[in-house]
Amino acid sequence: MHLLTALEKFKNRDQVDPQELLEFYDTLSPLSINSLIGRWKAQGFNTQHPLQYKMDAGKRWYGKEFINPETVYPLLCWDSEFKAINTYDAPLFFRTQQLHTTTEAQARLRILEHRGKTSATMIYDTIPMHDMMRKVDENHILGLMERKGMDGCMFFTMENFNRLWR
């Protein structure tokens, strides 16, 4: 089965078994840091993971923006005019579920090994959490977010923002 077709089938489910997503993730190729540069539209999967409920709070999570390896905005959210321009303070967001505006980058990118492959990983600056990402195709990514002290991982997919406007 084509990888993008498989991803779309997961996205269309009301609920997804995290073990199935993990098995799919393991089949995907690693990503370079340069392939992530830009803005990405994100969507989570309903795996009943507690972080997913925080990401979906108010349905305002838009995606992520990678400027360079040291400048990453991990939580782009819709503003009151439905423009994905505001970024939000990740530490406060994950503690309170409230959206707090910030103009400072909150993460960085590194290449790390995870589940037998080395791939681009987003590391949050002030919370013990990171997002490991794998390539579905040039414009689609499957990622998983892990937080220290929390069981399991939250899965998400991202689509290249530039592709959305072609």
N, C-alpha and C. Protein backbone atom coordinates (compact mmCIF):
# COMPACT_ATOMS: atom_id res chain seq x y z
N MET A 1 0.85 -1.18 0.00
CA MET A 1 0.00 0.00 0.00
C MET A 1 0.90 1.25 0.00
N HIS A 2 0.52 2.23 -0.78
CA HIS A 2 1.24 3.50 -0.83
C HIS A 2 1.21 4.15 0.55
N LEU A 3 2.33 4.73 0.97
CA LEU A 3 2.44 5.29 2.33
C LEU A 3 1.43 6.41 2.59
N LEU A 4 1.24 7.30 1.61
CA LEU A 4 0.29 8.39 1.81
C LEU A 4 -1.14 7.86 1.92
N THR A 5 -1.47 6.84 1.17
CA THR A 5 -2.79 6.21 1.27
C THR A 5 -2.99 5.63 2.66
N ALA A 6 -1.97 4.97 3.18
CA ALA A 6 -2.06 4.40 4.53
C ALA A 6 -2.25 5.51 5.56
N LEU A 7 -1.50 6.61 5.42
CA LEU A 7 -1.65 7.73 6.35
C LEU A 7 -3.06 8.30 6.30
N GLU A 8 -3.60 8.47 5.11
CA GLU A 8 -4.95 9.02 4.96
C GLU A 8 -5.99 8.11 5.62
N LYS A 9 -5.80 6.81 5.55
CA LYS A 9 -6.74 5.89 6.21
C LYS A 9 -6.71 6.08 7.72
N PHE A 10 -5.53 6.27 8.28
CA PHE A 10 -5.44 6.55 9.72
C PHE A 10 -6.14 7.87 10.04
N LYS A 11 -5.92 8.90 9.22
CA LYS A 11 -6.50 10.22 9.48
C LYS A 11 -8.02 10.20 9.43
N ASN A 12 -8.59 9.31 8.65
CA ASN A 12 -10.04 9.26 8.49
C ASN A 12 -10.75 8.44 9.56
N ARG A 13 -10.01 7.83 10.46
CA ARG A 13 -10.63 7.04 11.53
C ARG A 13 -11.03 7.94 12.70
N ASP A 14 -12.13 7.58 13.35
CA ASP A 14 -12.55 8.30 14.55
C ASP A 14 -11.59 8.05 15.71
N GLN A 15 -11.07 6.84 15.78
CA GLN A 15 -10.11 6.48 16.83
C GLN A 15 -9.08 5.54 16.22
N VAL A 16 -7.83 5.68 16.65
CA VAL A 16 -6.74 4.90 16.09
C VAL A 16 -5.99 4.19 17.21
N ASP A 17 -5.67 2.92 16.97
CA ASP A 17 -4.86 2.15 17.91
C ASP A 17 -3.42 2.66 17.84
N PRO A 18 -2.86 3.14 18.96
CA PRO A 18 -1.49 3.68 18.92
C PRO A 18 -0.46 2.64 18.47
N GLN A 19 -0.70 1.37 18.75
CA GLN A 19 0.24 0.33 18.32
C GLN A 19 0.29 0.24 16.80
N GLU A 20 -0.86 0.41 16.13
CA GLU A 20 -0.87 0.41 14.66
C GLU A 20 -0.08 1.59 14.11
N LEU A 21 -0.26 2.77 14.72
CA LEU A 21 0.49 3.94 14.27
C LEU A 21 1.98 3.75 14.50
N LEU A 22 2.35 3.15 15.62
CA LEU A 22 3.76 2.91 15.91
C LEU A 22 4.38 1.95 14.88
N GLU A 23 3.63 0.92 14.52
CA GLU A 23 4.12 -0.02 13.51
C GLU A 23 4.29 0.67 12.16
N PHE A 24 3.36 1.54 11.80
CA PHE A 24 3.46 2.31 10.56
C PHE A 24 4.66 3.26 10.63
N TYR A 25 4.81 3.96 11.74
CA TYR A 25 5.93 4.87 11.97
C TYR A 25 7.27 4.15 11.75
N ASP A 26 7.37 2.93 12.24
CA ASP A 26 8.62 2.17 12.12
C ASP A 26 8.97 1.84 10.67
N THR A 27 8.01 1.85 9.76
CA THR A 27 8.28 1.55 8.34
C THR A 27 8.76 2.78 7.58
N LEU A 28 8.63 3.96 8.16
CA LEU A 28 8.92 5.21 7.44
C LEU A 28 10.40 5.56 7.47
N SER A 29 10.80 6.35 6.48
CA SER A 29 12.19 6.80 6.34
C SER A 29 12.49 7.98 7.26
N PRO A 30 13.75 8.13 7.64
CA PRO A 30 14.15 9.29 8.45
C PRO A 30 14.03 10.59 7.66
N LEU A 31 14.04 11.70 8.41
CA LEU A 31 13.99 13.05 7.83
C LEU A 31 15.27 13.79 8.16
N SER A 32 15.70 14.63 7.23
CA SER A 32 16.80 15.54 7.52
C SER A 32 16.22 16.81 8.16
N ILE A 33 17.05 17.56 8.84
CA ILE A 33 16.59 18.83 9.41
C ILE A 33 16.17 19.78 8.31
N ASN A 34 16.95 19.86 7.23
CA ASN A 34 16.62 20.79 6.14
C ASN A 34 15.27 20.51 5.51
N SER A 35 14.84 19.26 5.49
CA SER A 35 13.54 18.94 4.88
C SER A 35 12.37 19.47 5.70
N LEU A 36 12.62 19.86 6.95
CA LEU A 36 11.56 20.39 7.81
C LEU A 36 11.42 21.91 7.75
N ILE A 37 12.40 22.60 7.23
CA ILE A 37 12.37 24.06 7.24
C ILE A 37 11.11 24.56 6.54
N GLY A 38 10.36 25.41 7.24
CA GLY A 38 9.11 25.94 6.71
C GLY A 38 7.99 25.79 7.72
N ARG A 39 6.78 26.08 7.27
CA ARG A 39 5.59 25.99 8.10
C ARG A 39 4.81 24.73 7.73
N TRP A 40 4.31 24.05 8.76
CA TRP A 40 3.60 22.78 8.57
C TRP A 40 2.25 22.83 9.26
N LYS A 41 1.23 22.38 8.58
CA LYS A 41 -0.12 22.24 9.13
C LYS A 41 -0.19 20.88 9.80
N ALA A 42 -0.62 20.85 11.05
CA ALA A 42 -0.61 19.60 11.83
C ALA A 42 -2.02 19.13 12.16
N GLN A 43 -2.10 17.85 12.43
CA GLN A 43 -3.35 17.22 12.87
C GLN A 43 -3.00 16.04 13.75
N GLY A 44 -3.68 15.92 14.88
CA GLY A 44 -3.46 14.80 15.77
C GLY A 44 -4.36 13.63 15.42
N PHE A 45 -4.08 12.50 16.04
CA PHE A 45 -4.90 11.30 15.91
C PHE A 45 -5.54 11.03 17.26
N ASN A 46 -6.77 10.58 17.26
CA ASN A 46 -7.44 10.23 18.51
C ASN A 46 -6.99 8.83 18.93
N THR A 47 -5.99 8.80 19.80
CA THR A 47 -5.51 7.54 20.37
C THR A 47 -5.82 7.46 21.86
N GLN A 48 -6.60 8.42 22.35
CA GLN A 48 -6.94 8.53 23.77
C GLN A 48 -5.74 8.95 24.62
N HIS A 49 -4.71 9.50 24.01
CA HIS A 49 -3.55 9.97 24.77
C HIS A 49 -3.89 11.31 25.42
N PRO A 50 -3.51 11.52 26.69
CA PRO A 50 -3.87 12.76 27.39
C PRO A 50 -3.33 14.03 26.73
N LEU A 51 -2.17 13.97 26.08
CA LEU A 51 -1.65 15.16 25.42
C LEU A 51 -2.53 15.59 24.24
N GLN A 52 -3.20 14.64 23.62
CA GLN A 52 -4.05 14.99 22.47
C GLN A 52 -5.17 15.92 22.89
N TYR A 53 -5.72 15.69 24.06
CA TYR A 53 -6.79 16.57 24.54
C TYR A 53 -6.28 17.99 24.74
N LYS A 54 -5.04 18.13 25.22
CA LYS A 54 -4.47 19.47 25.38
C LYS A 54 -4.23 20.13 24.03
N MET A 55 -3.74 19.37 23.06
CA MET A 55 -3.49 19.94 21.74
C MET A 55 -4.78 20.37 21.06
N ASP A 56 -5.85 19.66 21.32
CA ASP A 56 -7.13 19.98 20.70
C ASP A 56 -7.93 21.02 21.47
N ALA A 57 -7.40 21.50 22.59
CA ALA A 57 -8.13 22.47 23.42
C ALA A 57 -8.54 23.68 22.58
N GLY A 58 -9.83 23.87 22.46
CA GLY A 58 -10.34 25.00 21.70
C GLY A 58 -10.17 24.87 20.20
N LYS A 59 -9.70 23.74 19.71
CA LYS A 59 -9.48 23.51 18.28
C LYS A 59 -8.63 24.61 17.66
N ARG A 60 -7.64 25.11 18.40
CA ARG A 60 -6.86 26.23 17.89
C ARG A 60 -5.45 25.84 17.42
N TRP A 61 -5.02 24.61 17.67
CA TRP A 61 -3.68 24.21 17.23
C TRP A 61 -3.64 24.17 15.72
N TYR A 62 -2.69 24.88 15.13
CA TYR A 62 -2.53 24.92 13.68
C TYR A 62 -1.39 24.02 13.21
N GLY A 63 -0.24 24.16 13.82
CA GLY A 63 0.90 23.39 13.36
C GLY A 63 2.21 23.84 13.98
N LYS A 64 3.28 23.74 13.20
CA LYS A 64 4.63 24.06 13.67
C LYS A 64 5.36 24.84 12.58
N GLU A 65 6.35 25.63 13.00
CA GLU A 65 7.18 26.33 12.03
C GLU A 65 8.64 26.16 12.40
N PHE A 66 9.43 25.73 11.41
CA PHE A 66 10.85 25.49 11.58
C PHE A 66 11.61 26.52 10.75
N ILE A 67 12.24 27.49 11.41
CA ILE A 67 12.97 28.55 10.72
C ILE A 67 14.39 28.07 10.38
N ASN A 68 15.06 27.49 11.36
CA ASN A 68 16.39 26.90 11.22
C ASN A 68 16.56 25.95 12.41
N PRO A 69 17.67 25.23 12.51
CA PRO A 69 17.79 24.26 13.60
C PRO A 69 17.65 24.83 15.00
N GLU A 70 17.93 26.10 15.19
CA GLU A 70 17.86 26.71 16.52
C GLU A 70 16.59 27.52 16.77
N THR A 71 15.77 27.71 15.75
CA THR A 71 14.60 28.57 15.86
C THR A 71 13.36 27.82 15.39
N VAL A 72 12.61 27.30 16.36
CA VAL A 72 11.44 26.49 16.06
C VAL A 72 10.27 26.98 16.90
N TYR A 73 9.12 27.13 16.25
CA TYR A 73 7.86 27.49 16.91
C TYR A 73 6.99 26.23 16.92
N PRO A 74 6.95 25.51 18.05
CA PRO A 74 6.28 24.21 18.08
C PRO A 74 4.76 24.27 18.16
N LEU A 75 4.21 25.41 18.58
CA LEU A 75 2.76 25.51 18.76
C LEU A 75 2.22 26.75 18.05
N LEU A 76 2.02 26.62 16.75
CA LEU A 76 1.32 27.68 16.03
C LEU A 76 -0.16 27.44 16.24
N CYS A 77 -0.88 28.47 16.61
CA CYS A 77 -2.31 28.34 16.84
C CYS A 77 -3.06 29.42 16.08
N TRP A 78 -4.32 29.17 15.79
CA TRP A 78 -5.16 30.16 15.13
C TRP A 78 -5.38 31.33 16.06
N ASP A 79 -5.32 32.55 15.51
CA ASP A 79 -5.67 33.71 16.32
C ASP A 79 -7.17 33.97 16.17
N SER A 80 -7.65 35.05 16.73
CA SER A 80 -9.09 35.33 16.72
C SER A 80 -9.62 35.59 15.31
N GLU A 81 -8.74 35.89 14.37
CA GLU A 81 -9.15 36.11 12.99
C GLU A 81 -8.88 34.90 12.11
N PHE A 82 -8.59 33.77 12.74
CA PHE A 82 -8.30 32.51 12.06
C PHE A 82 -7.10 32.62 11.12
N LYS A 83 -6.08 33.33 11.59
CA LYS A 83 -4.80 33.38 10.90
C LYS A 83 -3.81 32.60 11.75
N ALA A 84 -3.04 31.76 11.14
CA ALA A 84 -2.06 30.97 11.88
C ALA A 84 -0.77 31.76 12.04
N ILE A 85 -0.85 32.84 12.79
CA ILE A 85 0.32 33.70 12.93
C ILE A 85 0.82 33.79 14.37
N ASN A 86 -0.01 33.53 15.33
CA ASN A 86 0.42 33.63 16.72
C ASN A 86 1.09 32.34 17.16
N THR A 87 2.13 32.47 17.93
CA THR A 87 2.74 31.30 18.55
C THR A 87 2.44 31.37 20.04
N TYR A 88 2.49 30.22 20.69
CA TYR A 88 2.08 30.17 22.08
C TYR A 88 3.14 29.54 22.96
N ASP A 89 3.18 29.98 24.17
CA ASP A 89 4.17 29.56 25.15
C ASP A 89 3.93 28.10 25.56
N ALA A 90 4.77 27.21 25.06
CA ALA A 90 4.56 25.78 25.28
C ALA A 90 4.52 25.39 26.76
N PRO A 91 5.44 25.83 27.62
CA PRO A 91 5.37 25.39 29.02
C PRO A 91 4.06 25.76 29.69
N LEU A 92 3.59 26.97 29.49
CA LEU A 92 2.32 27.37 30.09
C LEU A 92 1.16 26.61 29.48
N PHE A 93 1.20 26.40 28.18
CA PHE A 93 0.12 25.69 27.50
C PHE A 93 -0.05 24.29 28.06
N PHE A 94 1.05 23.57 28.23
CA PHE A 94 0.94 22.20 28.70
C PHE A 94 0.63 22.09 30.18
N ARG A 95 0.86 23.15 30.94
CA ARG A 95 0.47 23.14 32.36
C ARG A 95 -0.97 23.58 32.56
N THR A 96 -1.43 24.53 31.76
CA THR A 96 -2.71 25.17 32.05
C THR A 96 -3.78 24.99 30.98
N GLN A 97 -3.40 24.56 29.79
CA GLN A 97 -4.30 24.47 28.64
C GLN A 97 -4.75 25.84 28.15
N GLN A 98 -4.16 26.89 28.66
CA GLN A 98 -4.50 28.22 28.18
C GLN A 98 -3.47 28.64 27.15
N LEU A 99 -3.89 29.47 26.22
CA LEU A 99 -3.01 29.93 25.17
C LEU A 99 -2.37 31.25 25.60
N HIS A 100 -1.07 31.29 25.63
CA HIS A 100 -0.32 32.48 26.01
C HIS A 100 0.59 32.86 24.85
N THR A 101 0.44 34.07 24.38
CA THR A 101 1.21 34.51 23.23
C THR A 101 2.68 34.70 23.56
N THR A 102 3.53 34.30 22.64
CA THR A 102 4.96 34.55 22.74
C THR A 102 5.50 34.79 21.35
N THR A 103 6.54 35.55 21.25
CA THR A 103 7.20 35.75 19.96
C THR A 103 8.55 35.06 19.93
N GLU A 104 8.87 34.33 20.98
CA GLU A 104 10.15 33.64 21.07
C GLU A 104 10.01 32.19 20.63
N ALA A 105 11.04 31.71 19.95
CA ALA A 105 11.07 30.29 19.58
C ALA A 105 11.10 29.47 20.87
N GLN A 106 10.51 28.29 20.82
CA GLN A 106 10.38 27.45 22.02
C GLN A 106 11.02 26.07 21.87
N ALA A 107 11.74 25.84 20.75
CA ALA A 107 12.32 24.52 20.52
C ALA A 107 13.48 24.62 19.54
N ARG A 108 14.15 23.48 19.37
CA ARG A 108 15.24 23.39 18.39
C ARG A 108 15.18 22.01 17.74
N LEU A 109 15.92 21.85 16.65
CA LEU A 109 15.97 20.59 15.92
C LEU A 109 17.33 19.93 16.06
N ARG A 110 17.32 18.61 16.19
CA ARG A 110 18.53 17.81 16.22
C ARG A 110 18.24 16.50 15.51
N ILE A 111 19.30 15.82 15.10
CA ILE A 111 19.18 14.47 14.56
C ILE A 111 19.45 13.51 15.73
N LEU A 112 18.46 12.68 16.04
CA LEU A 112 18.59 11.72 17.14
C LEU A 112 18.14 10.34 16.68
N GLU A 113 18.64 9.33 17.38
CA GLU A 113 18.24 7.95 17.10
C GLU A 113 16.97 7.64 17.89
N HIS A 114 16.03 6.99 17.22
CA HIS A 114 14.79 6.57 17.88
C HIS A 114 14.26 5.35 17.15
N ARG A 115 14.05 4.28 17.88
CA ARG A 115 13.50 3.05 17.33
C ARG A 115 14.30 2.56 16.11
N GLY A 116 15.63 2.65 16.24
CA GLY A 116 16.51 2.08 15.23
C GLY A 116 16.84 2.97 14.04
N LYS A 117 16.35 4.20 14.01
CA LYS A 117 16.65 5.10 12.89
C LYS A 117 17.03 6.47 13.43
N THR A 118 17.92 7.16 12.72
CA THR A 118 18.26 8.53 13.09
C THR A 118 17.47 9.48 12.21
N SER A 119 16.79 10.43 12.84
CA SER A 119 15.89 11.31 12.11
C SER A 119 15.78 12.65 12.84
N ALA A 120 15.23 13.62 12.15
CA ALA A 120 15.01 14.94 12.75
C ALA A 120 14.09 14.82 13.96
N THR A 121 14.48 15.49 15.03
CA THR A 121 13.72 15.50 16.28
C THR A 121 13.63 16.93 16.78
N MET A 122 12.43 17.34 17.18
CA MET A 122 12.23 18.66 17.76
C MET A 122 12.30 18.52 19.28
N ILE A 123 13.18 19.30 19.90
CA ILE A 123 13.37 19.25 21.35
C ILE A 123 12.86 20.56 21.93
N TYR A 124 11.90 20.47 22.83
CA TYR A 124 11.35 21.67 23.48
C TYR A 124 12.40 22.27 24.41
N ASP A 125 12.45 23.58 24.47
CA ASP A 125 13.48 24.26 25.27
C ASP A 125 13.26 24.14 26.77
N THR A 126 12.03 24.19 27.23
CA THR A 126 11.80 24.32 28.68
C THR A 126 10.92 23.24 29.28
N ILE A 127 10.54 22.26 28.51
CA ILE A 127 9.77 21.15 29.06
C ILE A 127 10.41 19.84 28.60
N PRO A 128 10.32 18.78 29.40
CA PRO A 128 10.98 17.52 29.05
C PRO A 128 10.15 16.74 28.02
N MET A 129 10.18 17.24 26.79
CA MET A 129 9.35 16.65 25.75
C MET A 129 10.06 16.82 24.41
N HIS A 130 9.83 15.86 23.51
CA HIS A 130 10.40 15.97 22.17
C HIS A 130 9.48 15.28 21.16
N ASP A 131 9.59 15.74 19.91
CA ASP A 131 8.81 15.18 18.81
C ASP A 131 9.77 14.52 17.82
N MET A 132 9.60 13.24 17.60
CA MET A 132 10.39 12.52 16.60
C MET A 132 9.55 12.43 15.33
N MET A 133 10.19 12.65 14.19
CA MET A 133 9.43 12.71 12.94
C MET A 133 10.04 11.81 11.88
N ARG A 134 9.15 11.24 11.06
CA ARG A 134 9.55 10.40 9.94
C ARG A 134 8.80 10.85 8.68
N LYS A 135 9.40 10.54 7.56
CA LYS A 135 8.91 10.99 6.26
C LYS A 135 7.90 10.01 5.67
N VAL A 136 6.70 10.51 5.34
CA VAL A 136 5.73 9.74 4.57
C VAL A 136 6.02 9.98 3.09
N ASP A 137 6.13 11.24 2.70
CA ASP A 137 6.62 11.65 1.38
C ASP A 137 7.19 13.06 1.53
N GLU A 138 7.50 13.73 0.44
CA GLU A 138 8.15 15.04 0.51
C GLU A 138 7.31 16.08 1.25
N ASN A 139 6.00 15.90 1.28
CA ASN A 139 5.10 16.91 1.86
C ASN A 139 4.31 16.44 3.07
N HIS A 140 4.53 15.21 3.51
CA HIS A 140 3.76 14.65 4.63
C HIS A 140 4.69 13.95 5.62
N ILE A 141 4.42 14.17 6.89
CA ILE A 141 5.25 13.64 7.98
C ILE A 141 4.35 12.96 9.01
N LEU A 142 4.85 11.90 9.61
CA LEU A 142 4.22 11.31 10.78
C LEU A 142 5.16 11.55 11.95
N GLY A 143 4.63 12.09 13.02
CA GLY A 143 5.45 12.36 14.19
C GLY A 143 4.85 11.76 15.44
N LEU A 144 5.70 11.60 16.43
CA LEU A 144 5.21 11.19 17.74
C LEU A 144 5.88 12.04 18.80
N MET A 145 5.07 12.45 19.75
CA MET A 145 5.52 13.32 20.84
C MET A 145 5.60 12.49 22.11
N GLU A 146 6.74 12.55 22.77
CA GLU A 146 6.91 11.88 24.06
C GLU A 146 7.25 12.91 25.11
N ARG A 147 6.70 12.70 26.29
CA ARG A 147 6.98 13.59 27.41
C ARG A 147 7.46 12.75 28.59
N LYS A 148 8.55 13.18 29.20
CA LYS A 148 9.10 12.46 30.35
C LYS A 148 8.04 12.34 31.44
N GLY A 149 7.90 11.12 31.97
CA GLY A 149 6.95 10.88 33.04
C GLY A 149 5.54 10.57 32.57
N MET A 150 5.31 10.54 31.26
CA MET A 150 3.97 10.26 30.74
C MET A 150 4.04 8.99 29.90
N ASP A 151 3.11 8.08 30.13
CA ASP A 151 3.09 6.82 29.39
C ASP A 151 2.69 7.06 27.94
N GLY A 152 3.27 6.27 27.07
CA GLY A 152 2.90 6.29 25.66
C GLY A 152 3.35 7.57 24.96
N CYS A 153 2.87 7.73 23.75
CA CYS A 153 3.22 8.91 22.97
C CYS A 153 1.98 9.41 22.23
N MET A 154 2.01 10.69 21.87
CA MET A 154 0.94 11.29 21.09
C MET A 154 1.39 11.35 19.64
N PHE A 155 0.57 10.87 18.74
CA PHE A 155 0.90 10.88 17.32
C PHE A 155 0.26 12.07 16.63
N PHE A 156 0.96 12.58 15.62
CA PHE A 156 0.42 13.67 14.80
C PHE A 156 0.97 13.53 13.39
N THR A 157 0.30 14.16 12.46
CA THR A 157 0.78 14.22 11.09
C THR A 157 0.91 15.68 10.70
N MET A 158 1.81 15.96 9.78
CA MET A 158 1.98 17.33 9.30
C MET A 158 2.05 17.34 7.78
N GLU A 159 1.47 18.39 7.21
CA GLU A 159 1.52 18.59 5.77
C GLU A 159 2.20 19.92 5.50
N ASN A 160 3.10 19.92 4.53
CA ASN A 160 3.85 21.13 4.19
C ASN A 160 2.89 22.24 3.79
N PHE A 161 2.97 23.37 4.49
CA PHE A 161 2.08 24.51 4.25
C PHE A 161 2.18 25.01 2.82
N ASN A 162 3.39 25.05 2.26
CA ASN A 162 3.56 25.54 0.89
C ASN A 162 2.82 24.68 -0.11
N ARG A 163 2.73 23.39 0.14
CA ARG A 163 2.01 22.48 -0.75
C ARG A 163 0.52 22.80 -0.76
N LEU A 164 0.00 23.27 0.37
CA LEU A 164 -1.43 23.56 0.47
C LEU A 164 -1.86 24.68 -0.47
N TRP A 165 -0.92 25.52 -0.89
CA TRP A 165 -1.25 26.69 -1.71
C TRP A 165 -0.80 26.56 -3.15
N ARG A 166 -0.40 25.38 -3.58
CA ARG A 166 0.00 25.17 -4.98
C ARG A 166 -1.19 24.90 -5.84
